[in-house]
């Protein structure tokens, strides 16, 4: 997404969805229930600092001719969130995101790729599926419910561990 577009895009998403959306800022603390959009022409990364998650907005070199690149974000998620991560790769051109989604899955996280039937462009999800990076391949309208189910199961498992 181009510079000067992402802030208004995030603001518009906040107006039409029930969740808060905003353009990410460097060194900003992540808040639950907030969607962060990478600023145009900058990579977005997540850094774990104790129990907090801090957003990093960096120029960095282009990856797959992209900046921001999903692989940069997903790699940071794999390194800093590990088995608690959920990665979702939606419709898009090219292979950006496939390697990072694989890193999330290899780190014990849960990963989803959008199916071909509901993708406008199947390049990115297909690249992830081809390399075995997706735990599940789902149509767009099933992804949110699947994430909710996975999060509920994770909460139950965490509660069971704390009782033991």
C-alpha atoms as a PDB file:
ATOM      1  CA  UNK A   1       0.000   0.000   0.000  1.00  0.00           C
ATOM      2  CA  UNK A   2       1.356   3.425  -0.863  1.00  0.00           C
ATOM      3  CA  UNK A   3       2.403   6.078   1.631  1.00  0.00           C
ATOM      4  CA  UNK A   4      -0.310   8.566   2.593  1.00  0.00           C
ATOM      5  CA  UNK A   5      -2.960   5.919   1.919  1.00  0.00           C
ATOM      6  CA  UNK A   6      -2.577   3.611   4.911  1.00  0.00           C
ATOM      7  CA  UNK A   7      -3.637   6.121   7.585  1.00  0.00           C
ATOM      8  CA  UNK A   8      -6.907   6.952   5.805  1.00  0.00           C
ATOM      9  CA  UNK A   9      -7.402   3.247   5.017  1.00  0.00           C
ATOM     10  CA  UNK A  10      -7.084   2.381   8.729  1.00  0.00           C
ATOM     11  CA  UNK A  11      -9.450   5.204   9.682  1.00  0.00           C
ATOM     12  CA  UNK A  12     -12.013   4.007   7.150  1.00  0.00           C
ATOM     13  CA  UNK A  13     -11.768   0.430   8.436  1.00  0.00           C
ATOM     14  CA  UNK A  14     -12.438   1.726  11.961  1.00  0.00           C
ATOM     15  CA  UNK A  15     -15.595   3.408  10.702  1.00  0.00           C
ATOM     16  CA  UNK A  16     -17.030   0.334   8.961  1.00  0.00           C
ATOM     17  CA  UNK A  17     -15.929  -2.491  11.296  1.00  0.00           C
ATOM     18  CA  UNK A  18     -16.607  -3.194  14.972  1.00  0.00           C
ATOM     19  CA  UNK A  19     -12.869  -3.179  15.827  1.00  0.00           C
ATOM     20  CA  UNK A  20     -10.400  -0.345  16.254  1.00  0.00           C
ATOM     21  CA  UNK A  21      -8.026  -0.021  13.289  1.00  0.00           C
ATOM     22  CA  UNK A  22      -5.049   2.297  13.095  1.00  0.00           C
ATOM     23  CA  UNK A  23      -1.814   2.887  11.273  1.00  0.00           C
ATOM     24  CA  UNK A  24       1.005   1.375  13.343  1.00  0.00           C
ATOM     25  CA  UNK A  25       3.523   3.699  14.986  1.00  0.00           C
ATOM     26  CA  UNK A  26       7.143   2.882  15.853  1.00  0.00           C
ATOM     27  CA  UNK A  27       7.596   1.658  19.460  1.00  0.00           C
ATOM     28  CA  UNK A  28       3.837   1.603  20.032  1.00  0.00           C
ATOM     29  CA  UNK A  29       2.546  -0.912  22.576  1.00  0.00           C
ATOM     30  CA  UNK A  30       0.054  -3.332  21.031  1.00  0.00           C
ATOM     31  CA  UNK A  31      -3.410  -3.275  22.527  1.00  0.00           C
ATOM     32  CA  UNK A  32      -5.913  -6.144  22.478  1.00  0.00           C
ATOM     33  CA  UNK A  33      -8.742  -5.799  19.997  1.00  0.00           C
ATOM     34  CA  UNK A  34      -6.854  -3.386  17.753  1.00  0.00           C
ATOM     35  CA  UNK A  35      -5.948  -3.950  14.110  1.00  0.00           C
ATOM     36  CA  UNK A  36      -2.647  -2.375  13.079  1.00  0.00           C
ATOM     37  CA  UNK A  37      -1.924  -1.440   9.460  1.00  0.00           C
ATOM     38  CA  UNK A  38       1.711  -1.164   8.348  1.00  0.00           C
ATOM     39  CA  UNK A  39       2.464   2.364   7.164  1.00  0.00           C
ATOM     40  CA  UNK A  40       3.022   2.607   3.423  1.00  0.00           C
ATOM     41  CA  UNK A  41       6.643   1.960   2.418  1.00  0.00           C
ATOM     42  CA  UNK A  42       7.597   0.646   5.894  1.00  0.00           C
ATOM     43  CA  UNK A  43       7.881  -2.879   7.268  1.00  0.00           C
ATOM     44  CA  UNK A  44       5.943  -3.723  10.421  1.00  0.00           C
ATOM     45  CA  UNK A  45       7.460  -6.014  13.047  1.00  0.00           C
ATOM     46  CA  UNK A  46       6.516  -7.192  16.536  1.00  0.00           C
ATOM     47  CA  UNK A  47       8.981  -7.332  19.419  1.00  0.00           C
ATOM     48  CA  UNK A  48       8.257  -9.098  22.717  1.00  0.00           C
ATOM     49  CA  UNK A  49       9.369  -7.079  25.741  1.00  0.00           C
ATOM     50  CA  UNK A  50       8.413  -9.019  28.844  1.00  0.00           C
ATOM     51  CA  UNK A  51       4.673  -9.565  28.609  1.00  0.00           C
ATOM     52  CA  UNK A  52       4.164  -6.601  26.281  1.00  0.00           C
ATOM     53  CA  UNK A  53       4.287  -6.598  22.504  1.00  0.00           C
ATOM     54  CA  UNK A  54       5.855  -3.547  20.891  1.00  0.00           C
ATOM     55  CA  UNK A  55       5.413  -2.571  17.246  1.00  0.00           C
ATOM     56  CA  UNK A  56       8.486  -1.716  15.215  1.00  0.00           C
ATOM     57  CA  UNK A  57       8.090   0.314  12.025  1.00  0.00           C
ATOM     58  CA  UNK A  58      11.260   0.143   9.955  1.00  0.00           C
ATOM     59  CA  UNK A  59      12.301   1.180   6.457  1.00  0.00           C
ATOM     60  CA  UNK A  60      14.526  -1.841   5.744  1.00  0.00           C
ATOM     61  CA  UNK A  61      15.187  -3.241   2.275  1.00  0.00           C
ATOM     62  CA  UNK A  62      12.332  -4.374   0.077  1.00  0.00           C
ATOM     63  CA  UNK A  63      11.563  -8.087   0.197  1.00  0.00           C
ATOM     64  CA  UNK A  64       9.885  -9.704  -2.830  1.00  0.00           C
ATOM     65  CA  UNK A  65       9.883  -6.157  -4.242  1.00  0.00           C
ATOM     66  CA  UNK A  66       7.565  -5.179  -1.383  1.00  0.00           C
ATOM     67  CA  UNK A  67       7.712  -2.784   1.530  1.00  0.00           C
ATOM     68  CA  UNK A  68       5.853  -3.527   3.661  1.00  0.00           C
ATOM     69  CA  UNK A  69       6.350  -7.261   3.245  1.00  0.00           C
ATOM     70  CA  UNK A  70       4.252  -9.831   5.085  1.00  0.00           C
ATOM     71  CA  UNK A  71       7.276 -12.136   5.456  1.00  0.00           C
ATOM     72  CA  UNK A  72       9.038  -9.501   7.592  1.00  0.00           C
ATOM     73  CA  UNK A  73       6.018  -9.269   9.907  1.00  0.00           C
ATOM     74  CA  UNK A  74       5.455 -13.030  10.070  1.00  0.00           C
ATOM     75  CA  UNK A  75       9.141 -13.749  10.794  1.00  0.00           C
ATOM     76  CA  UNK A  76       9.026 -11.336  13.734  1.00  0.00           C
ATOM     77  CA  UNK A  77       5.809 -12.963  14.949  1.00  0.00           C
ATOM     78  CA  UNK A  78       7.406 -16.416  14.761  1.00  0.00           C
ATOM     79  CA  UNK A  79      10.458 -15.202  16.702  1.00  0.00           C
ATOM     80  CA  UNK A  80       8.596 -13.203  19.347  1.00  0.00           C
ATOM     81  CA  UNK A  81       5.196 -14.867  19.761  1.00  0.00           C
ATOM     82  CA  UNK A  82       6.058 -18.496  18.972  1.00  0.00           C
ATOM     83  CA  UNK A  83       3.444 -21.123  19.733  1.00  0.00           C
ATOM     84  CA  UNK A  84       0.895 -18.467  20.749  1.00  0.00           C
ATOM     85  CA  UNK A  85       0.813 -17.007  17.233  1.00  0.00           C
ATOM     86  CA  UNK A  86      -1.976 -17.244  14.699  1.00  0.00           C
ATOM     87  CA  UNK A  87      -0.960 -16.366  11.144  1.00  0.00           C
ATOM     88  CA  UNK A  88      -3.426 -15.838   8.305  1.00  0.00           C
ATOM     89  CA  UNK A  89      -2.438 -15.356   4.677  1.00  0.00           C
ATOM     90  CA  UNK A  90      -5.135 -13.980   2.388  1.00  0.00           C
ATOM     91  CA  UNK A  91      -5.494 -13.399  -1.338  1.00  0.00           C
ATOM     92  CA  UNK A  92      -2.583 -11.667  -3.024  1.00  0.00           C
ATOM     93  CA  UNK A  93      -0.077 -11.781  -5.848  1.00  0.00           C
ATOM     94  CA  UNK A  94       3.353 -13.359  -5.512  1.00  0.00           C
ATOM     95  CA  UNK A  95       4.877 -15.410  -2.721  1.00  0.00           C
ATOM     96  CA  UNK A  96       5.218 -12.849   0.066  1.00  0.00           C
ATOM     97  CA  UNK A  97       4.097 -14.354   3.364  1.00  0.00           C
ATOM     98  CA  UNK A  98       4.711 -18.015   2.527  1.00  0.00           C
ATOM     99  CA  UNK A  99       8.108 -18.270   4.226  1.00  0.00           C
ATOM    100  CA  UNK A 100       6.960 -16.305   7.268  1.00  0.00           C
ATOM    101  CA  UNK A 101       3.781 -18.372   7.618  1.00  0.00           C
ATOM    102  CA  UNK A 102       5.949 -21.479   7.536  1.00  0.00           C
ATOM    103  CA  UNK A 103       8.123 -20.009  10.315  1.00  0.00           C
ATOM    104  CA  UNK A 104       5.017 -19.425  12.452  1.00  0.00           C
ATOM    105  CA  UNK A 105       3.852 -22.999  11.904  1.00  0.00           C
ATOM    106  CA  UNK A 106       7.309 -24.438  12.622  1.00  0.00           C
ATOM    107  CA  UNK A 107       7.341 -22.414  15.857  1.00  0.00           C
ATOM    108  CA  UNK A 108       4.152 -24.136  16.985  1.00  0.00           C
ATOM    109  CA  UNK A 109       1.731 -21.407  15.906  1.00  0.00           C
ATOM    110  CA  UNK A 110      -1.529 -21.944  14.081  1.00  0.00           C
ATOM    111  CA  UNK A 111      -1.649 -20.953  10.414  1.00  0.00           C
ATOM    112  CA  UNK A 112      -4.397 -20.452   7.850  1.00  0.00           C
ATOM    113  CA  UNK A 113      -4.271 -19.805   4.115  1.00  0.00           C
ATOM    114  CA  UNK A 114      -7.272 -18.618   2.127  1.00  0.00           C
ATOM    115  CA  UNK A 115      -8.576 -21.172  -0.368  1.00  0.00           C
ATOM    116  CA  UNK A 116      -8.407 -20.752  -4.124  1.00  0.00           C
ATOM    117  CA  UNK A 117     -12.150 -20.504  -4.667  1.00  0.00           C
ATOM    118  CA  UNK A 118     -12.551 -17.365  -2.535  1.00  0.00           C
ATOM    119  CA  UNK A 119      -9.210 -15.725  -3.425  1.00  0.00           C
ATOM    120  CA  UNK A 120      -9.190 -12.939  -5.970  1.00  0.00           C
ATOM    121  CA  UNK A 121      -5.503 -13.713  -6.621  1.00  0.00           C
ATOM    122  CA  UNK A 122      -4.346 -17.114  -5.345  1.00  0.00           C
ATOM    123  CA  UNK A 123      -0.577 -16.479  -5.554  1.00  0.00           C
ATOM    124  CA  UNK A 124       0.313 -15.805  -1.912  1.00  0.00           C
ATOM    125  CA  UNK A 125      -1.912 -18.463  -0.317  1.00  0.00           C
ATOM    126  CA  UNK A 126      -0.889 -21.011  -2.980  1.00  0.00           C
ATOM    127  CA  UNK A 127       2.810 -20.400  -2.302  1.00  0.00           C
ATOM    128  CA  UNK A 128       2.206 -21.021   1.413  1.00  0.00           C
ATOM    129  CA  UNK A 129       0.097 -24.124   0.794  1.00  0.00           C
ATOM    130  CA  UNK A 130       2.687 -25.535  -1.633  1.00  0.00           C
ATOM    131  CA  UNK A 131       5.420 -25.314   1.012  1.00  0.00           C
ATOM    132  CA  UNK A 132       3.217 -26.865   3.736  1.00  0.00           C
ATOM    133  CA  UNK A 133       2.969 -23.648   5.746  1.00  0.00           C
ATOM    134  CA  UNK A 134      -0.802 -23.724   6.304  1.00  0.00           C
ATOM    135  CA  UNK A 135      -2.338 -25.712   9.171  1.00  0.00           C
ATOM    136  CA  UNK A 136      -5.698 -25.116   7.477  1.00  0.00           C
ATOM    137  CA  UNK A 137      -6.893 -23.934   4.059  1.00  0.00           C
ATOM    138  CA  UNK A 138     -10.251 -22.220   4.387  1.00  0.00           C
ATOM    139  CA  UNK A 139     -12.693 -20.078   2.433  1.00  0.00           C
ATOM    140  CA  UNK A 140     -12.639 -16.425   3.448  1.00  0.00           C
ATOM    141  CA  UNK A 141     -16.007 -16.587   5.224  1.00  0.00           C
ATOM    142  CA  UNK A 142     -14.838 -19.425   7.534  1.00  0.00           C
ATOM    143  CA  UNK A 143     -11.512 -17.944   8.692  1.00  0.00           C
ATOM    144  CA  UNK A 144     -12.761 -15.701  11.525  1.00  0.00           C
ATOM    145  CA  UNK A 145     -14.847 -18.489  13.085  1.00  0.00           C
ATOM    146  CA  UNK A 146     -11.914 -20.894  12.870  1.00  0.00           C
ATOM    147  CA  UNK A 147      -9.658 -18.395  14.648  1.00  0.00           C
ATOM    148  CA  UNK A 148     -12.255 -17.954  17.415  1.00  0.00           C
ATOM    149  CA  UNK A 149     -12.457 -21.738  17.877  1.00  0.00           C
ATOM    150  CA  UNK A 150      -8.673 -22.051  18.041  1.00  0.00           C
ATOM    151  CA  UNK A 151      -8.436 -19.225  20.589  1.00  0.00           C
ATOM    152  CA  UNK A 152     -11.116 -20.851  22.762  1.00  0.00           C
ATOM    153  CA  UNK A 153      -9.249 -24.161  22.678  1.00  0.00           C
ATOM    154  CA  UNK A 154      -6.008 -22.400  23.572  1.00  0.00           C
ATOM    155  CA  UNK A 155      -7.707 -20.691  26.547  1.00  0.00           C
ATOM    156  CA  UNK A 156      -9.067 -24.006  27.787  1.00  0.00           C
ATOM    157  CA  UNK A 157      -5.632 -25.647  27.490  1.00  0.00           C
ATOM    158  CA  UNK A 158      -3.998 -22.742  29.349  1.00  0.00           C
ATOM    159  CA  UNK A 159      -6.588 -22.962  32.143  1.00  0.00           C
ATOM    160  CA  UNK A 160      -6.054 -26.716  32.447  1.00  0.00           C
ATOM    161  CA  UNK A 161      -2.274 -26.204  32.714  1.00  0.00           C
ATOM    162  CA  UNK A 162      -2.665 -23.595  35.457  1.00  0.00           C
ATOM    163  CA  UNK A 163      -4.944 -25.906  37.466  1.00  0.00           C
ATOM    164  CA  UNK A 164      -2.454 -28.781  37.290  1.00  0.00           C
END
